[in-house]
Amino acid sequence: MSVTYTWTIPTLEHEIADGGVYVAHWRCNGVDGEYSASSYSTCSFTYDASSPDFTPYDDLTEAQVQGWIWEEVSQADTEASIASKINAQINPTSASGTPWAA
């Protein structure tokens, strides 16, 4: 099988007064059959509400914020790390327990 990745942005932190977003919380989930792994982090932003490119909180799209995140976080490296975690579940190199409890 192959890993299917899902990127989500569960919350944004923003100023109420001008709608400027300064933190995005993101998660990437990877699933390969019965195996899964994820990565969760945040990205901080500095915004300029007077900039012609400024988009206030109420007008943002998920795709737009995802683009900001991918400017800060490598999508390929994040997904490779998740794939590695899943591969370690599928092909473990260590174990724990006691032989008499088997």
PDB file of N, CA and C in Angstrom:
ATOM      1  N   MET A   1       0.834  -1.190   0.000  1.00  0.00           N
ATOM      2  CA  MET A   1       0.000   0.000   0.000  1.00  0.00           C
ATOM      3  C   MET A   1       0.876   1.249   0.000  1.00  0.00           C
ATOM      4  N   SER A   2       0.243   2.375  -0.088  1.00  0.00           N
ATOM      5  CA  SER A   2       0.965   3.642  -0.011  1.00  0.00           C
ATOM      6  C   SER A   2       0.292   4.538   1.025  1.00  0.00           C
ATOM      7  N   VAL A   3       1.042   5.483   1.495  1.00  0.00           N
ATOM      8  CA  VAL A   3       0.552   6.375   2.546  1.00  0.00           C
ATOM      9  C   VAL A   3      -0.328   7.462   1.931  1.00  0.00           C
ATOM     10  N   THR A   4      -1.473   7.688   2.543  1.00  0.00           N
ATOM     11  CA  THR A   4      -2.360   8.789   2.173  1.00  0.00           C
ATOM     12  C   THR A   4      -2.216   9.868   3.239  1.00  0.00           C
ATOM     13  N   TYR A   5      -1.935  11.087   2.798  1.00  0.00           N
ATOM     14  CA  TYR A   5      -1.696  12.201   3.718  1.00  0.00           C
ATOM     15  C   TYR A   5      -2.883  13.157   3.717  1.00  0.00           C
ATOM     16  N   THR A   6      -3.213  13.659   4.911  1.00  0.00           N
ATOM     17  CA  THR A   6      -4.257  14.668   5.057  1.00  0.00           C
ATOM     18  C   THR A   6      -3.702  15.797   5.908  1.00  0.00           C
ATOM     19  N   TRP A   7      -3.664  16.996   5.342  1.00  0.00           N
ATOM     20  CA  TRP A   7      -3.225  18.182   6.060  1.00  0.00           C
ATOM     21  C   TRP A   7      -4.459  18.935   6.553  1.00  0.00           C
ATOM     22  N   THR A   8      -4.436  19.343   7.825  1.00  0.00           N
ATOM     23  CA  THR A   8      -5.538  20.136   8.373  1.00  0.00           C
ATOM     24  C   THR A   8      -4.978  21.312   9.169  1.00  0.00           C
ATOM     25  N   ILE A   9      -5.798  22.317   9.311  1.00  0.00           N
ATOM     26  CA  ILE A   9      -5.464  23.493  10.114  1.00  0.00           C
ATOM     27  C   ILE A   9      -6.582  23.624  11.151  1.00  0.00           C
ATOM     28  N   PRO A  10      -6.362  23.069  12.356  1.00  0.00           N
ATOM     29  CA  PRO A  10      -7.444  23.060  13.337  1.00  0.00           C
ATOM     30  C   PRO A  10      -7.784  24.416  13.941  1.00  0.00           C
ATOM     31  N   THR A  11      -6.813  25.347  13.975  1.00  0.00           N
ATOM     32  CA  THR A  11      -7.131  26.663  14.539  1.00  0.00           C
ATOM     33  C   THR A  11      -6.121  27.712  14.086  1.00  0.00           C
ATOM     34  N   LEU A  12      -6.595  28.941  14.085  1.00  0.00           N
ATOM     35  CA  LEU A  12      -5.758  30.106  13.791  1.00  0.00           C
ATOM     36  C   LEU A  12      -5.856  31.060  14.975  1.00  0.00           C
ATOM     37  N   GLU A  13      -4.731  31.657  15.338  1.00  0.00           N
ATOM     38  CA  GLU A  13      -4.737  32.699  16.357  1.00  0.00           C
ATOM     39  C   GLU A  13      -4.648  34.031  15.628  1.00  0.00           C
ATOM     40  N   HIS A  14      -5.549  34.966  16.005  1.00  0.00           N
ATOM     41  CA  HIS A  14      -5.620  36.240  15.279  1.00  0.00           C
ATOM     42  C   HIS A  14      -6.023  37.381  16.200  1.00  0.00           C
ATOM     43  N   GLU A  15      -5.696  38.577  15.748  1.00  0.00           N
ATOM     44  CA  GLU A  15      -6.101  39.782  16.454  1.00  0.00           C
ATOM     45  C   GLU A  15      -7.558  40.090  16.113  1.00  0.00           C
ATOM     46  N   ILE A  16      -8.329  40.397  17.107  1.00  0.00           N
ATOM     47  CA  ILE A  16      -9.737  40.728  16.878  1.00  0.00           C
ATOM     48  C   ILE A  16      -9.873  42.083  16.186  1.00  0.00           C
ATOM     49  N   ALA A  17      -9.045  43.033  16.572  1.00  0.00           N
ATOM     50  CA  ALA A  17      -9.175  44.399  16.070  1.00  0.00           C
ATOM     51  C   ALA A  17      -9.024  44.496  14.553  1.00  0.00           C
ATOM     52  N   ASP A  18      -7.998  43.833  13.985  1.00  0.00           N
ATOM     53  CA  ASP A  18      -7.766  43.985  12.539  1.00  0.00           C
ATOM     54  C   ASP A  18      -7.832  42.669  11.762  1.00  0.00           C
ATOM     55  N   GLY A  19      -8.041  41.559  12.468  1.00  0.00           N
ATOM     56  CA  GLY A  19      -8.155  40.275  11.780  1.00  0.00           C
ATOM     57  C   GLY A  19      -6.839  39.686  11.327  1.00  0.00           C
ATOM     58  N   GLY A  20      -5.733  40.208  11.817  1.00  0.00           N
ATOM     59  CA  GLY A  20      -4.428  39.691  11.421  1.00  0.00           C
ATOM     60  C   GLY A  20      -4.128  38.355  12.079  1.00  0.00           C
ATOM     61  N   VAL A  21      -3.777  37.368  11.271  1.00  0.00           N
ATOM     62  CA  VAL A  21      -3.435  36.039  11.780  1.00  0.00           C
ATOM     63  C   VAL A  21      -1.946  36.006  12.097  1.00  0.00           C
ATOM     64  N   TYR A  22      -1.610  35.545  13.300  1.00  0.00           N
ATOM     65  CA  TYR A  22      -0.209  35.484  13.697  1.00  0.00           C
ATOM     66  C   TYR A  22       0.276  34.070  14.029  1.00  0.00           C
ATOM     67  N   VAL A  23      -0.626  33.099  14.188  1.00  0.00           N
ATOM     68  CA  VAL A  23      -0.228  31.704  14.402  1.00  0.00           C
ATOM     69  C   VAL A  23      -1.244  30.781  13.734  1.00  0.00           C
ATOM     70  N   ALA A  24      -0.733  29.778  13.035  1.00  0.00           N
ATOM     71  CA  ALA A  24      -1.572  28.719  12.475  1.00  0.00           C
ATOM     72  C   ALA A  24      -1.130  27.397  13.076  1.00  0.00           C
ATOM     73  N   HIS A  25      -2.076  26.656  13.612  1.00  0.00           N
ATOM     74  CA  HIS A  25      -1.813  25.311  14.118  1.00  0.00           C
ATOM     75  C   HIS A  25      -2.113  24.344  12.975  1.00  0.00           C
ATOM     76  N   TRP A  26      -1.199  23.416  12.714  1.00  0.00           N
ATOM     77  CA  TRP A  26      -1.411  22.490  11.602  1.00  0.00           C
ATOM     78  C   TRP A  26      -1.104  21.055  12.019  1.00  0.00           C
ATOM     79  N   ARG A  27      -1.703  20.127  11.289  1.00  0.00           N
ATOM     80  CA  ARG A  27      -1.476  18.701  11.521  1.00  0.00           C
ATOM     81  C   ARG A  27      -1.437  18.006  10.166  1.00  0.00           C
ATOM     82  N   CYS A  28      -0.527  17.048  10.051  1.00  0.00           N
ATOM     83  CA  CYS A  28      -0.483  16.181   8.882  1.00  0.00           C
ATOM     84  C   CYS A  28      -0.635  14.745   9.370  1.00  0.00           C
ATOM     85  N   ASN A  29      -1.670  14.067   8.900  1.00  0.00           N
ATOM     86  CA  ASN A  29      -1.914  12.668   9.233  1.00  0.00           C
ATOM     87  C   ASN A  29      -1.555  11.815   8.035  1.00  0.00           C
ATOM     88  N   GLY A  30      -0.925  10.680   8.294  1.00  0.00           N
ATOM     89  CA  GLY A  30      -0.617   9.714   7.258  1.00  0.00           C
ATOM     90  C   GLY A  30      -1.207   8.370   7.631  1.00  0.00           C
ATOM     91  N   VAL A  31      -1.821   7.696   6.643  1.00  0.00           N
ATOM     92  CA  VAL A  31      -2.445   6.398   6.881  1.00  0.00           C
ATOM     93  C   VAL A  31      -2.019   5.451   5.773  1.00  0.00           C
ATOM     94  N   ASP A  32      -1.613   4.254   6.189  1.00  0.00           N
ATOM     95  CA  ASP A  32      -1.280   3.179   5.256  1.00  0.00           C
ATOM     96  C   ASP A  32      -1.940   1.921   5.794  1.00  0.00           C
ATOM     97  N   GLY A  33      -3.117   1.613   5.291  1.00  0.00           N
ATOM     98  CA  GLY A  33      -3.865   0.469   5.804  1.00  0.00           C
ATOM     99  C   GLY A  33      -4.209   0.671   7.259  1.00  0.00           C
ATOM    100  N   GLU A  34      -3.746  -0.249   8.116  1.00  0.00           N
ATOM    101  CA  GLU A  34      -4.043  -0.172   9.546  1.00  0.00           C
ATOM    102  C   GLU A  34      -3.012   0.654  10.319  1.00  0.00           C
ATOM    103  N   TYR A  35      -2.014   1.175   9.645  1.00  0.00           N
ATOM    104  CA  TYR A  35      -0.939   1.927  10.288  1.00  0.00           C
ATOM    105  C   TYR A  35      -1.137   3.426  10.059  1.00  0.00           C
ATOM    106  N   SER A  36      -0.780   4.209  11.075  1.00  0.00           N
ATOM    107  CA  SER A  36      -0.914   5.657  10.932  1.00  0.00           C
ATOM    108  C   SER A  36       0.117   6.373  11.793  1.00  0.00           C
ATOM    109  N   ALA A  37       0.398   7.590  11.409  1.00  0.00           N
ATOM    110  CA  ALA A  37       1.288   8.469  12.161  1.00  0.00           C
ATOM    111  C   ALA A  37       0.906   9.899  11.814  1.00  0.00           C
ATOM    112  N   SER A  38       1.342  10.838  12.649  1.00  0.00           N
ATOM    113  CA  SER A  38       1.003  12.225  12.376  1.00  0.00           C
ATOM    114  C   SER A  38       2.090  13.154  12.884  1.00  0.00           C
ATOM    115  N   SER A  39       1.982  14.390  12.448  1.00  0.00           N
ATOM    116  CA  SER A  39       2.867  15.450  12.898  1.00  0.00           C
ATOM    117  C   SER A  39       1.992  16.663  13.181  1.00  0.00           C
ATOM    118  N   TYR A  40       2.272  17.350  14.286  1.00  0.00           N
ATOM    119  CA  TYR A  40       1.503  18.527  14.671  1.00  0.00           C
ATOM    120  C   TYR A  40       2.480  19.623  15.044  1.00  0.00           C
ATOM    121  N   SER A  41       2.213  20.834  14.597  1.00  0.00           N
ATOM    122  CA  SER A  41       3.058  21.954  14.964  1.00  0.00           C
ATOM    123  C   SER A  41       2.304  23.263  14.721  1.00  0.00           C
ATOM    124  N   THR A  42       3.026  24.359  14.870  1.00  0.00           N
ATOM    125  CA  THR A  42       2.474  25.684  14.603  1.00  0.00           C
ATOM    126  C   THR A  42       3.444  26.470  13.737  1.00  0.00           C
ATOM    127  N   CYS A  43       2.919  27.447  13.053  1.00  0.00           N
ATOM    128  CA  CYS A  43       3.725  28.414  12.309  1.00  0.00           C
ATOM    129  C   CYS A  43       3.329  29.796  12.784  1.00  0.00           C
ATOM    130  N   SER A  44       4.319  30.622  13.022  1.00  0.00           N
ATOM    131  CA  SER A  44       4.067  32.008  13.422  1.00  0.00           C
ATOM    132  C   SER A  44       4.265  32.920  12.226  1.00  0.00           C
ATOM    133  N   PHE A  45       3.452  33.954  12.167  1.00  0.00           N
ATOM    134  CA  PHE A  45       3.500  34.895  11.056  1.00  0.00           C
ATOM    135  C   PHE A  45       3.560  36.321  11.580  1.00  0.00           C
ATOM    136  N   THR A  46       4.202  37.166  10.811  1.00  0.00           N
ATOM    137  CA  THR A  46       4.170  38.600  11.060  1.00  0.00           C
ATOM    138  C   THR A  46       3.372  39.210   9.918  1.00  0.00           C
ATOM    139  N   TYR A  47       2.358  39.946  10.253  1.00  0.00           N
ATOM    140  CA  TYR A  47       1.505  40.522   9.207  1.00  0.00           C
ATOM    141  C   TYR A  47       1.552  42.038   9.258  1.00  0.00           C
ATOM    142  N   ASP A  48       1.159  42.627   8.157  1.00  0.00           N
ATOM    143  CA  ASP A  48       1.070  44.087   8.043  1.00  0.00           C
ATOM    144  C   ASP A  48      -0.329  44.400   7.533  1.00  0.00           C
ATOM    145  N   ALA A  49      -1.191  44.855   8.423  1.00  0.00           N
ATOM    146  CA  ALA A  49      -2.581  45.115   8.067  1.00  0.00           C
ATOM    147  C   ALA A  49      -2.717  46.217   7.018  1.00  0.00           C
ATOM    148  N   SER A  50      -1.691  47.017   6.821  1.00  0.00           N
ATOM    149  CA  SER A  50      -1.772  48.092   5.820  1.00  0.00           C
ATOM    150  C   SER A  50      -1.277  47.639   4.443  1.00  0.00           C
ATOM    151  N   SER A  51      -0.767  46.424   4.356  1.00  0.00           N
ATOM    152  CA  SER A  51      -0.258  45.909   3.077  1.00  0.00           C
ATOM    153  C   SER A  51      -1.405  45.613   2.113  1.00  0.00           C
ATOM    154  N   PRO A  52      -1.218  45.865   0.821  1.00  0.00           N
ATOM    155  CA  PRO A  52      -2.274  45.543  -0.143  1.00  0.00           C
ATOM    156  C   PRO A  52      -2.518  44.030  -0.250  1.00  0.00           C
ATOM    157  N   ASP A  53      -1.578  43.199   0.198  1.00  0.00           N
ATOM    158  CA  ASP A  53      -1.737  41.749   0.161  1.00  0.00           C
ATOM    159  C   ASP A  53      -2.374  41.182   1.434  1.00  0.00           C
ATOM    160  N   PHE A  54      -2.652  42.030   2.405  1.00  0.00           N
ATOM    161  CA  PHE A  54      -3.217  41.585   3.680  1.00  0.00           C
ATOM    162  C   PHE A  54      -4.621  41.020   3.478  1.00  0.00           C
ATOM    163  N   THR A  55      -4.866  39.850   4.080  1.00  0.00           N
ATOM    164  CA  THR A  55      -6.197  39.247   4.074  1.00  0.00           C
ATOM    165  C   THR A  55      -6.612  39.042   5.520  1.00  0.00           C
ATOM    166  N   PRO A  56      -7.700  39.682   5.956  1.00  0.00           N
ATOM    167  CA  PRO A  56      -8.131  39.527   7.343  1.00  0.00           C
ATOM    168  C   PRO A  56      -8.717  38.126   7.591  1.00  0.00           C
ATOM    169  N   TYR A  57      -8.718  37.748   8.841  1.00  0.00           N
ATOM    170  CA  TYR A  57      -9.175  36.440   9.292  1.00  0.00           C
ATOM    171  C   TYR A  57     -10.485  35.995   8.620  1.00  0.00           C
ATOM    172  N   ASP A  58     -11.489  36.842   8.630  1.00  0.00           N
ATOM    173  CA  ASP A  58     -12.812  36.468   8.101  1.00  0.00           C
ATOM    174  C   ASP A  58     -12.801  36.151   6.608  1.00  0.00           C
ATOM    175  N   ASP A  59     -11.784  36.598   5.878  1.00  0.00           N
ATOM    176  CA  ASP A  59     -11.737  36.398   4.429  1.00  0.00           C
ATOM    177  C   ASP A  59     -10.750  35.318   3.989  1.00  0.00           C
ATOM    178  N   LEU A  60     -10.062  34.696   4.931  1.00  0.00           N
ATOM    179  CA  LEU A  60      -9.066  33.683   4.587  1.00  0.00           C
ATOM    180  C   LEU A  60      -9.714  32.382   4.122  1.00  0.00           C
ATOM    181  N   THR A  61      -8.993  31.662   3.270  1.00  0.00           N
ATOM    182  CA  THR A  61      -9.399  30.312   2.881  1.00  0.00           C
ATOM    183  C   THR A  61      -8.380  29.329   3.446  1.00  0.00           C
ATOM    184  N   GLU A  62      -8.801  28.096   3.585  1.00  0.00           N
ATOM    185  CA  GLU A  62      -7.876  27.069   4.070  1.00  0.00           C
ATOM    186  C   GLU A  62      -6.691  26.924   3.118  1.00  0.00           C
ATOM    187  N   ALA A  63      -6.947  26.979   1.817  1.00  0.00           N
ATOM    188  CA  ALA A  63      -5.870  26.848   0.827  1.00  0.00           C
ATOM    189  C   ALA A  63      -4.846  27.970   0.976  1.00  0.00           C
ATOM    190  N   GLN A  64      -5.310  29.174   1.248  1.00  0.00           N
ATOM    191  CA  GLN A  64      -4.398  30.302   1.419  1.00  0.00           C
ATOM    192  C   GLN A  64      -3.486  30.099   2.631  1.00  0.00           C
ATOM    193  N   VAL A  65      -4.063  29.702   3.753  1.00  0.00           N
ATOM    194  CA  VAL A  65      -3.263  29.496   4.957  1.00  0.00           C
ATOM    195  C   VAL A  65      -2.345  28.290   4.777  1.00  0.00           C
ATOM    196  N   GLN A  66      -2.813  27.244   4.090  1.00  0.00           N
ATOM    197  CA  GLN A  66      -1.949  26.098   3.821  1.00  0.00           C
ATOM    198  C   GLN A  66      -0.729  26.535   3.015  1.00  0.00           C
ATOM    199  N   GLY A  67      -0.916  27.436   2.086  1.00  0.00           N
ATOM    200  CA  GLY A  67       0.207  27.983   1.326  1.00  0.00           C
ATOM    201  C   GLY A  67       1.203  28.696   2.217  1.00  0.00           C
ATOM    202  N   TRP A  68       0.713  29.453   3.178  1.00  0.00           N
ATOM    203  CA  TRP A  68       1.611  30.116   4.126  1.00  0.00           C
ATOM    204  C   TRP A  68       2.416  29.081   4.910  1.00  0.00           C
ATOM    205  N   ILE A  69       1.736  28.025   5.350  1.00  0.00           N
ATOM    206  CA  ILE A  69       2.406  26.983   6.136  1.00  0.00           C
ATOM    207  C   ILE A  69       3.492  26.333   5.299  1.00  0.00           C
ATOM    208  N   TRP A  70       3.183  25.983   4.048  1.00  0.00           N
ATOM    209  CA  TRP A  70       4.160  25.314   3.201  1.00  0.00           C
ATOM    210  C   TRP A  70       5.311  26.230   2.798  1.00  0.00           C
ATOM    211  N   GLU A  71       5.167  27.540   2.995  1.00  0.00           N
ATOM    212  CA  GLU A  71       6.314  28.433   2.815  1.00  0.00           C
ATOM    213  C   GLU A  71       7.288  28.301   3.988  1.00  0.00           C
ATOM    214  N   GLU A  72       6.785  27.845   5.133  1.00  0.00           N
ATOM    215  CA  GLU A  72       7.591  27.719   6.354  1.00  0.00           C
ATOM    216  C   GLU A  72       8.007  26.276   6.647  1.00  0.00           C
ATOM    217  N   VAL A  73       7.182  25.324   6.246  1.00  0.00           N
ATOM    218  CA  VAL A  73       7.372  23.911   6.579  1.00  0.00           C
ATOM    219  C   VAL A  73       7.458  23.116   5.285  1.00  0.00           C
ATOM    220  N   SER A  74       8.451  22.259   5.180  1.00  0.00           N
ATOM    221  CA  SER A  74       8.584  21.440   3.970  1.00  0.00           C
ATOM    222  C   SER A  74       7.526  20.337   3.958  1.00  0.00           C
ATOM    223  N   GLN A  75       6.630  20.415   2.998  1.00  0.00           N
ATOM    224  CA  GLN A  75       5.609  19.383   2.856  1.00  0.00           C
ATOM    225  C   GLN A  75       6.271  18.027   2.601  1.00  0.00           C
ATOM    226  N   ALA A  76       7.254  17.999   1.711  1.00  0.00           N
ATOM    227  CA  ALA A  76       7.926  16.738   1.361  1.00  0.00           C
ATOM    228  C   ALA A  76       8.638  16.136   2.569  1.00  0.00           C
ATOM    229  N   ASP A  77       9.356  16.952   3.338  1.00  0.00           N
ATOM    230  CA  ASP A  77      10.080  16.445   4.508  1.00  0.00           C
ATOM    231  C   ASP A  77       9.116  15.965   5.592  1.00  0.00           C
ATOM    232  N   THR A  78       8.024  16.681   5.794  1.00  0.00           N
ATOM    233  CA  THR A  78       7.035  16.285   6.797  1.00  0.00           C
ATOM    234  C   THR A  78       6.414  14.949   6.426  1.00  0.00           C
ATOM    235  N   GLU A  79       6.018  14.808   5.166  1.00  0.00           N
ATOM    236  CA  GLU A  79       5.404  13.554   4.722  1.00  0.00           C
ATOM    237  C   GLU A  79       6.410  12.407   4.733  1.00  0.00           C
ATOM    238  N   ALA A  80       7.684  12.675   4.424  1.00  0.00           N
ATOM    239  CA  ALA A  80       8.715  11.634   4.487  1.00  0.00           C
ATOM    240  C   ALA A  80       8.919  11.165   5.926  1.00  0.00           C
ATOM    241  N   SER A  81       8.877  12.078   6.872  1.00  0.00           N
ATOM    242  CA  SER A  81       9.021  11.720   8.282  1.00  0.00           C
ATOM    243  C   SER A  81       7.862  10.837   8.737  1.00  0.00           C
ATOM    244  N   ILE A  82       6.656  11.179   8.318  1.00  0.00           N
ATOM    245  CA  ILE A  82       5.478  10.375   8.672  1.00  0.00           C
ATOM    246  C   ILE A  82       5.581   8.992   8.027  1.00  0.00           C
ATOM    247  N   ALA A  83       6.001   8.933   6.772  1.00  0.00           N
ATOM    248  CA  ALA A  83       6.170   7.644   6.090  1.00  0.00           C
ATOM    249  C   ALA A  83       7.193   6.780   6.828  1.00  0.00           C
ATOM    250  N   SER A  84       8.249   7.397   7.332  1.00  0.00           N
ATOM    251  CA  SER A  84       9.269   6.674   8.084  1.00  0.00           C
ATOM    252  C   SER A  84       8.696   6.100   9.376  1.00  0.00           C
ATOM    253  N   LYS A  85       7.863   6.876  10.064  1.00  0.00           N
ATOM    254  CA  LYS A  85       7.220   6.398  11.285  1.00  0.00           C
ATOM    255  C   LYS A  85       6.308   5.212  10.992  1.00  0.00           C
ATOM    256  N   ILE A  86       5.566   5.299   9.893  1.00  0.00           N
ATOM    257  CA  ILE A  86       4.677   4.195   9.510  1.00  0.00           C
ATOM    258  C   ILE A  86       5.497   2.970   9.130  1.00  0.00           C
ATOM    259  N   ASN A  87       6.580   3.179   8.391  1.00  0.00           N
ATOM    260  CA  ASN A  87       7.438   2.063   8.011  1.00  0.00           C
ATOM    261  C   ASN A  87       8.011   1.361   9.244  1.00  0.00           C
ATOM    262  N   ALA A  88       8.325   2.125  10.282  1.00  0.00           N
ATOM    263  CA  ALA A  88       8.840   1.542  11.519  1.00  0.00           C
ATOM    264  C   ALA A  88       7.770   0.702  12.224  1.00  0.00           C
ATOM    265  N   GLN A  89       6.509   1.065  12.044  1.00  0.00           N
ATOM    266  CA  GLN A  89       5.425   0.258  12.609  1.00  0.00           C
ATOM    267  C   GLN A  89       5.255  -1.045  11.824  1.00  0.00           C
ATOM    268  N   ILE A  90       5.362  -0.942  10.509  1.00  0.00           N
ATOM    269  CA  ILE A  90       5.191  -2.107   9.640  1.00  0.00           C
ATOM    270  C   ILE A  90       6.370  -3.065   9.778  1.00  0.00           C
ATOM    271  N   ASN A  91       7.576  -2.509   9.906  1.00  0.00           N
ATOM    272  CA  ASN A  91       8.812  -3.295   9.983  1.00  0.00           C
ATOM    273  C   ASN A  91       9.591  -2.925  11.243  1.00  0.00           C
ATOM    274  N   PRO A  92       9.107  -3.339  12.417  1.00  0.00           N
ATOM    275  CA  PRO A  92       9.764  -2.927  13.668  1.00  0.00           C
ATOM    276  C   PRO A  92      11.167  -3.518  13.787  1.00  0.00           C
ATOM    277  N   THR A  93      12.045  -2.758  14.426  1.00  0.00           N
ATOM    278  CA  THR A  93      13.414  -3.220  14.660  1.00  0.00           C
ATOM    279  C   THR A  93      13.685  -3.476  16.131  1.00  0.00           C
ATOM    280  N   SER A  94      12.715  -3.213  16.995  1.00  0.00           N
ATOM    281  CA  SER A  94      12.858  -3.476  18.419  1.00  0.00           C
ATOM    282  C   SER A  94      11.499  -3.852  18.987  1.00  0.00           C
ATOM    283  N   ALA A  95      11.524  -4.438  20.179  1.00  0.00           N
ATOM    284  CA  ALA A  95      10.282  -4.839  20.836  1.00  0.00           C
ATOM    285  C   ALA A  95      10.502  -4.782  22.343  1.00  0.00           C
ATOM    286  N   SER A  96       9.433  -4.882  23.099  1.00  0.00           N
ATOM    287  CA  SER A  96       9.535  -4.903  24.550  1.00  0.00           C
ATOM    288  C   SER A  96       8.600  -5.973  25.091  1.00  0.00           C
ATOM    289  N   GLY A  97       8.793  -6.343  26.322  1.00  0.00           N
ATOM    290  CA  GLY A  97       7.966  -7.365  26.953  1.00  0.00           C
ATOM    291  C   GLY A  97       8.809  -8.335  27.728  1.00  0.00           C
ATOM    292  N   THR A  98       8.223  -9.440  28.112  1.00  0.00           N
ATOM    293  CA  THR A  98       8.926 -10.513  28.807  1.00  0.00           C
ATOM    294  C   THR A  98       8.619 -11.828  28.112  1.00  0.00           C
ATOM    295  N   PRO A  99       9.628 -12.722  27.990  1.00  0.00           N
ATOM    296  CA  PRO A  99       9.387 -13.962  27.272  1.00  0.00           C
ATOM    297  C   PRO A  99       8.419 -14.901  27.978  1.00  0.00           C
ATOM    298  N   TRP A 100       8.288 -14.808  29.280  1.00  0.00           N
ATOM    299  CA  TRP A 100       7.403 -15.706  30.002  1.00  0.00           C
ATOM    300  C   TRP A 100       5.939 -15.273  29.976  1.00  0.00           C
ATOM    301  N   ALA A 101       5.684 -14.043  29.505  1.00  0.00           N
ATOM    302  CA  ALA A 101       4.303 -13.555  29.466  1.00  0.00           C
ATOM    303  C   ALA A 101       3.661 -13.773  28.094  1.00  0.00           C
ATOM    304  N   ALA A 102       4.391 -14.362  27.184  1.00  0.00           N
ATOM    305  CA  ALA A 102       3.883 -14.525  25.817  1.00  0.00           C
ATOM    306  C   ALA A 102       2.764 -15.510  25.712  1.00  0.00           C
TER     307      ALA A 102
END
